[in-house]
């Protein structure tokens, strides 16, 4: 049975990691970041939700069959 030749694995893995790093850096360098980093004021509006209007009760399936 022939033995697996692992002599090229190191250069393959190193070149793959370097390629991924370069691709990631190129992708990030094309991204436009905002120039001002001030937080925007957020106005929170209270939206009424349907479950706040009425009382609901959730029944546990195990408690339905107790006598």
Protein backbone atom coordinates (compact mmCIF):
# COMPACT_ATOMS: atom_id res chain seq x y z
CA UNK A 1 0.00 0.00 0.00
CA UNK A 2 1.54 3.37 -0.97
CA UNK A 3 2.24 5.91 1.70
CA UNK A 4 0.66 9.36 1.62
CA UNK A 5 3.09 12.05 0.56
CA UNK A 6 2.69 15.00 2.94
CA UNK A 7 5.72 16.99 1.84
CA UNK A 8 3.66 19.61 -0.03
CA UNK A 9 1.02 20.14 2.64
CA UNK A 10 2.92 22.88 4.46
CA UNK A 11 3.38 25.11 1.43
CA UNK A 12 -0.22 24.48 0.36
CA UNK A 13 -1.66 25.48 3.74
CA UNK A 14 0.62 28.51 4.08
CA UNK A 15 -0.20 29.77 0.60
CA UNK A 16 -3.93 29.25 1.23
CA UNK A 17 -3.81 31.24 4.48
CA UNK A 18 -1.84 34.03 2.82
CA UNK A 19 -4.28 34.17 -0.08
CA UNK A 20 -7.26 34.35 2.26
CA UNK A 21 -5.59 37.09 4.26
CA UNK A 22 -4.85 39.14 1.14
CA UNK A 23 -8.37 38.66 -0.21
CA UNK A 24 -9.85 39.73 3.12
CA UNK A 25 -7.63 42.82 3.26
CA UNK A 26 -8.59 43.81 -0.27
CA UNK A 27 -12.26 43.39 0.54
CA UNK A 28 -11.95 45.52 3.67
CA UNK A 29 -9.97 48.23 1.90
CA UNK A 30 -12.81 48.79 -0.58
CA UNK A 31 -15.33 49.38 2.19
CA UNK A 32 -16.25 53.03 2.83
CA UNK A 33 -16.35 53.97 6.48
CA UNK A 34 -18.20 57.04 7.76
CA UNK A 35 -16.00 60.02 8.48
CA UNK A 36 -17.88 61.29 11.55
CA UNK A 37 -18.18 58.82 14.38
CA UNK A 38 -20.65 60.76 16.49
CA UNK A 39 -23.62 58.76 17.74
CA UNK A 40 -26.92 59.70 16.21
CA UNK A 41 -29.72 60.60 18.61
CA UNK A 42 -32.36 57.94 18.60
CA UNK A 43 -35.96 58.71 19.37
CA UNK A 44 -37.80 55.71 20.69
CA UNK A 45 -41.48 55.69 19.89
CA UNK A 46 -43.69 53.47 22.00
CA UNK A 47 -45.57 51.19 19.66
CA UNK A 48 -48.55 49.42 21.19
CA UNK A 49 -48.32 45.69 20.74
CA UNK A 50 -51.38 43.46 20.58
CA UNK A 51 -50.33 41.36 23.55
CA UNK A 52 -50.18 44.43 25.80
CA UNK A 53 -53.85 45.18 25.25
CA UNK A 54 -55.22 41.97 26.74
CA UNK A 55 -54.32 39.51 29.43
CA UNK A 56 -53.07 36.16 28.17
CA UNK A 57 -52.32 32.97 29.99
CA UNK A 58 -50.07 30.24 28.68
CA UNK A 59 -51.00 26.78 29.81
CA UNK A 60 -48.35 24.16 30.31
CA UNK A 61 -49.21 20.93 28.45
CA UNK A 62 -48.38 18.91 31.56
CA UNK A 63 -50.85 20.81 33.73
CA UNK A 64 -53.82 20.18 31.44
CA UNK A 65 -54.15 16.47 32.30
CA UNK A 66 -53.92 16.73 36.09
CA UNK A 67 -57.01 15.73 38.03
